[in-house]
Protein backbone atom coordinates (compact mmCIF):
# COMPACT_ATOMS: atom_id res chain seq x y z
CA MET A 1 -23.25 -14.74 37.66
CA ARG A 2 -20.56 -17.41 38.07
CA TYR A 3 -19.92 -17.29 34.32
CA ARG A 4 -19.19 -13.56 34.40
CA GLY A 5 -16.81 -13.98 37.31
CA ARG A 6 -14.80 -16.61 35.46
CA ILE A 7 -14.49 -14.46 32.36
CA GLY A 8 -13.51 -11.45 34.44
CA ALA A 9 -10.84 -13.46 36.25
CA ARG A 10 -9.45 -14.77 32.96
CA ALA A 11 -9.40 -11.31 31.43
CA LEU A 12 -7.59 -9.98 34.50
CA ALA A 13 -5.06 -12.82 34.37
CA VAL A 14 -4.38 -12.23 30.67
CA SER A 15 -3.98 -8.48 31.10
CA VAL A 16 -1.58 -8.96 34.04
CA ALA A 17 0.42 -11.54 32.11
CA CYS A 18 0.69 -9.21 29.11
CA ALA A 19 1.72 -6.27 31.27
CA VAL A 20 4.67 -8.03 32.93
CA PRO A 21 7.81 -7.17 30.94
CA LEU A 22 10.20 -9.97 30.18
CA ALA A 23 13.86 -8.99 29.86
CA GLY A 24 15.40 -9.90 26.54
CA CYS A 25 12.28 -11.60 25.19
CA SER A 26 10.75 -10.83 21.85
CA LEU A 27 7.50 -12.10 20.42
CA PHE A 28 8.95 -13.07 17.06
CA SER A 29 12.67 -13.59 17.48
CA ALA A 30 15.47 -13.86 19.96
CA PRO A 31 17.33 -10.62 20.59
CA SER A 32 20.50 -10.11 18.63
CA ALA A 33 23.80 -9.38 20.32
CA THR A 34 23.54 -5.70 19.33
CA GLU A 35 20.04 -5.09 20.71
CA THR A 36 19.72 -3.46 24.09
CA SER A 37 16.90 -3.71 26.56
CA ALA A 38 15.30 -0.95 28.63
CA TYR A 39 14.80 -3.52 31.41
CA THR A 40 17.18 -3.18 34.32
CA PRO A 41 17.12 -6.06 36.80
CA SER A 42 16.77 -5.13 40.45
CA VAL A 43 19.24 -7.82 41.48
CA THR A 44 22.82 -7.88 40.28
CA PRO A 45 23.26 -11.01 38.17
CA SER A 46 25.62 -13.66 39.45
CA SER A 47 28.63 -14.79 37.50
CA SER A 48 26.95 -18.03 36.46
CA PRO A 49 26.35 -18.38 32.70
CA SER A 50 22.65 -19.12 33.17
CA ALA A 51 22.00 -15.74 34.80
CA THR A 52 23.32 -13.73 31.84
CA THR A 53 21.71 -15.55 28.94
CA SER A 54 18.27 -14.53 27.76
CA PRO A 55 15.58 -17.10 27.14
CA SER A 56 14.72 -17.64 23.52
CA PRO A 57 11.12 -18.18 22.42
CA THR A 58 10.06 -21.65 21.44
CA ALA A 59 6.45 -20.91 20.45
CA SER A 60 6.06 -20.15 16.77
CA PRO A 61 8.53 -19.56 13.96
CA SER A 62 9.10 -16.05 12.68
CA PRO A 63 6.78 -15.15 9.76
CA SER A 64 9.43 -12.86 8.28
CA PRO A 65 13.10 -12.24 8.76
CA SER A 66 13.83 -10.79 12.15
CA PRO A 67 14.89 -7.15 12.15
CA SER A 68 18.47 -6.41 12.96
CA ALA A 69 19.76 -3.49 14.94
CA THR A 70 21.62 -2.17 11.89
CA GLN A 71 19.38 -1.03 9.07
CA ALA A 72 20.36 -1.13 5.42
CA THR A 73 20.99 2.26 3.89
CA PRO A 74 17.95 3.28 1.79
CA PRO A 75 18.59 3.89 -1.89
CA THR A 76 19.37 7.45 -2.88
CA GLY A 77 18.34 9.30 -6.00
CA PRO A 78 15.11 9.14 -7.95
CA ILE A 79 12.99 6.01 -8.16
CA THR A 80 13.28 4.99 -11.78
CA GLY A 81 10.79 2.14 -12.35
CA VAL A 82 10.93 0.37 -15.69
CA PRO A 83 13.69 1.38 -18.13
CA ALA A 84 13.12 4.20 -20.62
CA GLY A 85 11.50 3.02 -23.82
CA THR A 86 9.59 0.23 -22.09
CA PRO A 87 5.90 0.28 -23.05
CA VAL A 88 3.56 1.01 -20.14
CA LYS A 89 -0.04 0.03 -19.47
CA PRO A 90 -2.12 2.69 -17.68
CA GLU A 91 -4.78 1.37 -15.31
CA ILE A 92 -8.34 2.56 -14.79
CA PHE A 93 -8.98 1.81 -11.16
CA LEU A 94 -12.17 3.83 -10.71
CA ALA A 95 -14.99 4.66 -13.12
CA THR A 96 -18.12 6.01 -11.42
CA VAL A 97 -21.37 7.13 -13.01
CA ASP A 98 -22.72 9.93 -10.82
CA THR A 99 -26.31 10.27 -12.05
CA ALA A 100 -27.19 12.89 -9.41
CA GLY A 101 -24.26 15.06 -10.52
CA GLY A 102 -24.69 14.18 -14.19
CA VAL A 103 -21.05 13.14 -14.65
CA LEU A 104 -18.82 10.15 -15.29
CA LYS A 105 -15.69 10.21 -13.09
CA VAL A 106 -12.61 8.24 -14.10
CA VAL A 107 -9.37 7.90 -12.08
CA THR A 108 -6.24 6.43 -13.66
CA ASP A 109 -2.56 5.88 -13.00
CA VAL A 110 0.47 4.38 -14.70
CA PRO A 111 2.14 1.64 -12.63
CA ASP A 112 5.88 0.91 -12.63
CA ILE A 113 7.00 4.40 -13.66
CA PHE A 114 7.67 7.45 -11.53
CA GLU A 115 7.85 10.61 -13.62
CA ASP A 116 6.35 14.07 -13.84
CA GLY A 117 5.08 15.77 -16.99
CA GLY A 118 3.76 12.93 -19.15
CA LEU A 119 0.43 13.37 -20.93
CA CYS A 120 -2.43 11.29 -19.53
CA THR A 121 -5.48 10.96 -21.75
CA VAL A 122 -8.82 9.29 -21.05
CA ALA A 123 -11.20 8.68 -23.94
CA VAL A 124 -14.84 7.65 -23.50
CA THR A 125 -16.54 6.16 -26.55
CA ALA A 126 -20.32 5.63 -26.58
CA GLY A 127 -21.81 4.78 -29.96
CA SER A 128 -20.34 7.24 -32.46
CA THR A 129 -19.52 9.82 -29.74
CA LYS A 130 -15.97 10.05 -28.44
CA LEU A 131 -14.93 12.46 -25.67
CA GLN A 132 -11.35 12.98 -24.44
CA GLU A 133 -9.86 14.69 -21.41
CA HIS A 134 -6.16 15.30 -20.66
CA ASN A 135 -4.13 15.66 -17.45
CA THR A 136 -0.43 15.92 -16.68
CA GLY A 137 1.11 12.90 -14.93
CA ALA A 138 2.71 13.34 -11.52
CA ALA A 139 5.17 10.96 -9.86
CA ASN A 140 4.24 9.63 -6.44
CA ALA A 141 5.50 6.86 -4.16
CA THR A 142 3.92 3.95 -6.07
CA ASN A 143 3.31 5.08 -9.67
CA THR A 144 2.63 8.02 -11.95
CA ALA A 145 -0.75 9.45 -11.02
CA CYS A 146 -2.94 10.80 -13.80
CA GLY A 147 -5.67 12.09 -11.51
CA GLN A 148 -9.42 12.32 -12.00
CA PHE A 149 -11.17 12.94 -15.30
CA VAL A 150 -14.77 14.20 -15.37
CA PHE A 151 -17.13 13.78 -18.34
CA ASP A 152 -20.57 15.35 -18.74
CA LEU A 153 -23.21 12.60 -19.09
CA GLY A 154 -25.34 15.01 -21.14
CA ALA A 155 -22.69 14.90 -23.90
CA LEU A 156 -22.78 11.09 -24.09
CA PRO A 157 -25.59 8.83 -25.33
CA SER A 158 -27.13 6.26 -22.99
CA GLY A 159 -26.05 2.63 -23.21
CA LYS A 160 -22.77 0.77 -23.33
CA ALA A 161 -19.53 2.74 -23.50
CA THR A 162 -15.82 2.00 -23.25
CA ILE A 163 -13.10 3.93 -21.49
CA VAL A 164 -9.45 3.81 -22.59
CA ALA A 165 -6.60 5.52 -20.75
CA SER A 166 -3.34 6.32 -22.51
CA TYR A 167 -0.02 7.80 -21.46
CA GLN A 168 2.71 9.51 -23.48
CA SER A 169 6.04 10.95 -22.31
CA ALA A 170 9.55 11.32 -23.68
CA LYS A 171 10.42 7.94 -22.11
CA HIS A 172 7.21 5.86 -22.11
CA SER A 173 3.93 5.34 -23.91
CA GLY A 174 1.03 2.92 -23.82
CA SER A 175 -2.72 2.39 -23.49
CA SER A 176 -4.99 0.50 -21.12
CA ASP A 177 -7.35 -2.28 -22.01
CA PRO A 178 -10.88 -1.04 -22.83
CA TYR A 179 -12.94 -0.63 -19.65
CA PRO A 180 -16.70 -1.19 -20.15
CA VAL A 181 -19.28 1.04 -18.48
CA THR A 182 -23.05 1.48 -18.88
CA LEU A 183 -24.30 5.06 -19.12
CA PRO A 184 -27.83 6.00 -17.98
């Protein structure tokens, strides 16, 4: 029982210490001259210099630049990615054989470009059989999404197959590396 009491006392001490607000203190950096604090002291500070300065942390260095009170203006206009005419390399980031559903599901995107309307194509080649599906690309926050492609396993022979994604638009074109998959 003594062991539990010691842990409980330590947990209480830590929670109390964390709950006590410290005026002008920050975990990662000293406050800047433009930052304000919600803390209002109950005693009017004296005119001595030590009463008006805030303590600065001495524990660990900041892992990243400290935020400032003034934020940079975010860029305006469309996100452009790589310049027009630059070859692109679509990525296959998911290829799932769903034996219960009898389908092969493939999800692709095109990194480094942000445009709507391009033609996304996924081709699955197994032996002498080649199936293709098409989707329209859609710009999102991190890339051009091509979406999910679904292939009927009954139309493909069992064994080793390769998947290749390609993309074509007025500004960009390119193909992925072959992605191997084994079909049941």
